Amino acid sequence: MINVTGQKTHDQEFAKWMERFEESKQIATLPLLPHVQQKAAIDPGPSRPPSRASGHSFTRKIARSLKHSIVGYSQNELNEGVLKGLRYQFMRDRVDSIIEQAFTIFFSRNSDANRPELYELYENGDIDRALEFFKVRWVVGRPKTRR
């Protein structure tokens, strides 16, 4: 059985202990430094070895080049290369107008032909004729003709 009528010595001791922290203490002022100290330079240490991610991308590049050497490029990859190359140098609106003009030039020669792919317009020289129409040259990002 627990004695409930006893004194609460624990709470009284805690109250005395807390009174020590409630008293205001004077904080000493810090002396002003006569000059500014320079910060220590941090040495980054030796560089890290290449991570697995770079090895993974290297393996992916080799696999892609092997696939391209055996099978060749797909139509989507060829179209992407032409479109990406145009967008390296020209704004999106200008690229759209260049492509539309290239289709117009193609259909002016072959009115009853099927719609060509973008890479076919590049290989036929229709994109270059469209660029001449706009009086601009395509220098940056031009795809390679042989891969």
Protein backbone atom coordinates (compact mmCIF):
# COMPACT_ATOMS: atom_id res chain seq x y z
CA MET A 1 0.00 0.00 0.00
CA ILE A 2 1.20 3.55 -0.85
CA ASN A 3 1.28 6.34 1.76
CA VAL A 4 -0.66 9.24 0.20
CA THR A 5 -0.58 11.57 3.23
CA GLY A 6 3.22 12.03 3.20
CA GLN A 7 5.10 15.21 2.30
CA LYS A 8 5.91 16.09 -1.32
CA THR A 9 9.63 16.45 -1.00
CA HIS A 10 10.28 15.75 -4.64
CA ASP A 11 8.17 18.72 -5.89
CA GLN A 12 9.77 21.07 -3.36
CA GLU A 13 13.28 20.14 -4.45
CA PHE A 14 12.28 20.60 -8.10
CA ALA A 15 10.88 24.06 -7.32
CA LYS A 16 14.17 25.10 -5.65
CA TRP A 17 16.11 23.79 -8.62
CA MET A 18 13.95 25.76 -11.06
CA GLU A 19 14.39 29.00 -9.05
CA ARG A 20 18.11 28.94 -9.89
CA PHE A 21 17.35 29.18 -13.60
CA GLU A 22 14.67 31.83 -13.28
CA GLU A 23 17.06 34.32 -11.71
CA SER A 24 18.28 36.89 -14.20
CA LYS A 25 21.98 36.57 -14.89
CA GLN A 26 24.18 39.29 -16.27
CA ILE A 27 25.75 38.38 -19.61
CA ALA A 28 29.28 39.62 -20.11
CA THR A 29 29.87 41.70 -23.23
CA LEU A 30 32.27 40.39 -25.84
CA PRO A 31 35.25 42.55 -26.69
CA LEU A 32 35.26 43.97 -30.24
CA LEU A 33 37.79 42.42 -32.56
CA PRO A 34 40.35 44.88 -33.95
CA HIS A 35 40.41 43.19 -37.39
CA VAL A 36 38.37 40.71 -39.38
CA GLN A 37 39.74 37.22 -39.40
CA GLN A 38 39.89 35.29 -42.66
CA LYS A 39 37.84 32.16 -43.01
CA ALA A 40 39.74 28.95 -43.35
CA ALA A 41 39.69 27.50 -46.86
CA ILE A 42 38.04 24.12 -47.16
CA ASP A 43 39.99 21.54 -49.13
CA PRO A 44 37.58 19.38 -51.15
CA GLY A 45 39.97 16.46 -50.99
CA PRO A 46 40.65 13.97 -53.74
CA SER A 47 38.03 13.67 -56.46
CA ARG A 48 35.63 10.80 -56.30
CA PRO A 49 35.92 7.86 -58.67
CA PRO A 50 33.29 7.72 -61.43
CA SER A 51 29.94 6.51 -60.22
CA ARG A 52 27.97 3.60 -61.56
CA ALA A 53 25.64 5.97 -63.41
CA SER A 54 28.39 7.13 -65.77
CA GLY A 55 29.35 3.52 -66.47
CA HIS A 56 25.71 2.76 -67.15
CA SER A 57 25.39 5.58 -69.69
CA PHE A 58 28.63 4.50 -71.36
CA THR A 59 27.29 0.96 -71.69
CA ARG A 60 24.04 2.35 -73.09
CA LYS A 61 25.95 4.40 -75.70
CA ILE A 62 27.92 1.34 -76.82
CA ALA A 63 24.75 -0.76 -77.06
CA ARG A 64 22.98 1.96 -79.05
CA SER A 65 25.89 2.35 -81.47
CA LEU A 66 26.04 -1.44 -81.92
CA LYS A 67 22.31 -1.52 -82.67
CA HIS A 68 22.67 1.34 -85.16
CA SER A 69 25.60 -0.35 -86.91
CA ILE A 70 23.64 -3.60 -87.30
CA VAL A 71 20.05 -2.47 -87.85
CA GLY A 72 20.41 1.23 -88.73
CA TYR A 73 18.44 4.21 -87.46
CA SER A 74 14.67 4.15 -87.16
CA GLN A 75 12.51 6.79 -88.83
CA ASN A 76 11.69 8.34 -85.45
CA GLU A 77 15.38 8.69 -84.56
CA LEU A 78 16.15 10.28 -87.94
CA ASN A 79 13.20 12.69 -87.63
CA GLU A 80 14.23 13.57 -84.07
CA GLY A 81 17.78 14.30 -85.23
CA VAL A 82 16.58 16.75 -87.89
CA LEU A 83 14.06 18.44 -85.58
CA LYS A 84 16.53 18.68 -82.69
CA GLY A 85 19.18 20.07 -85.02
CA LEU A 86 16.83 22.78 -86.27
CA ARG A 87 15.82 23.70 -82.73
CA TYR A 88 19.47 24.09 -81.68
CA GLN A 89 19.74 27.12 -83.92
CA PHE A 90 16.21 28.45 -84.43
CA MET A 91 13.22 29.30 -82.26
CA ARG A 92 10.21 26.96 -82.18
CA ASP A 93 7.98 29.22 -84.33
CA ARG A 94 10.68 29.58 -86.93
CA VAL A 95 11.29 25.81 -87.00
CA ASP A 96 7.58 25.22 -87.59
CA SER A 97 7.49 27.70 -90.46
CA ILE A 98 10.67 26.19 -91.99
CA ILE A 99 9.13 22.71 -91.89
CA GLU A 100 5.86 23.94 -93.39
CA GLN A 101 7.77 25.66 -96.19
CA ALA A 102 9.78 22.47 -96.84
CA PHE A 103 6.54 20.48 -97.19
CA THR A 104 5.18 23.15 -99.54
CA ILE A 105 8.31 22.93 -101.71
CA PHE A 106 8.09 19.12 -101.78
CA PHE A 107 4.41 19.09 -102.77
CA SER A 108 4.95 21.77 -105.43
CA ARG A 109 7.23 19.26 -107.23
CA ASN A 110 5.29 16.07 -106.35
CA SER A 111 1.64 17.05 -105.93
CA ASP A 112 0.27 13.48 -105.83
CA ALA A 113 3.00 11.93 -103.62
CA ASN A 114 2.48 10.67 -100.07
CA ARG A 115 3.48 12.88 -97.17
CA PRO A 116 7.25 12.48 -96.70
CA GLU A 117 9.06 12.05 -93.41
CA LEU A 118 11.08 14.95 -92.04
CA TYR A 119 14.38 13.19 -92.61
CA GLU A 120 13.39 12.63 -96.27
CA LEU A 121 12.89 16.37 -96.67
CA TYR A 122 16.36 16.85 -95.22
CA GLU A 123 17.93 14.25 -97.52
CA ASN A 124 16.16 15.67 -100.62
CA GLY A 125 17.38 19.18 -99.80
CA ASP A 126 13.88 20.59 -99.34
CA ILE A 127 14.72 21.90 -95.87
CA ASP A 128 17.76 23.70 -97.30
CA ARG A 129 15.54 25.26 -100.01
CA ALA A 130 13.09 26.38 -97.31
CA LEU A 131 15.97 27.95 -95.39
CA GLU A 132 17.06 29.78 -98.54
CA PHE A 133 13.49 31.05 -98.87
CA PHE A 134 13.79 32.59 -95.38
CA LYS A 135 17.34 33.80 -96.21
CA VAL A 136 18.96 31.99 -93.26
CA ARG A 137 21.62 29.31 -93.04
CA TRP A 138 21.54 26.20 -90.91
CA VAL A 139 24.97 25.88 -89.35
CA VAL A 140 24.53 24.74 -85.75
CA GLY A 141 23.06 21.30 -85.01
CA ARG A 142 22.99 20.04 -88.58
CA PRO A 143 22.71 16.22 -88.52
CA LYS A 144 25.39 14.09 -90.13
CA THR A 145 24.43 12.59 -93.48
CA ARG A 146 26.35 9.36 -92.82
CA ARG A 147 26.29 7.72 -89.45
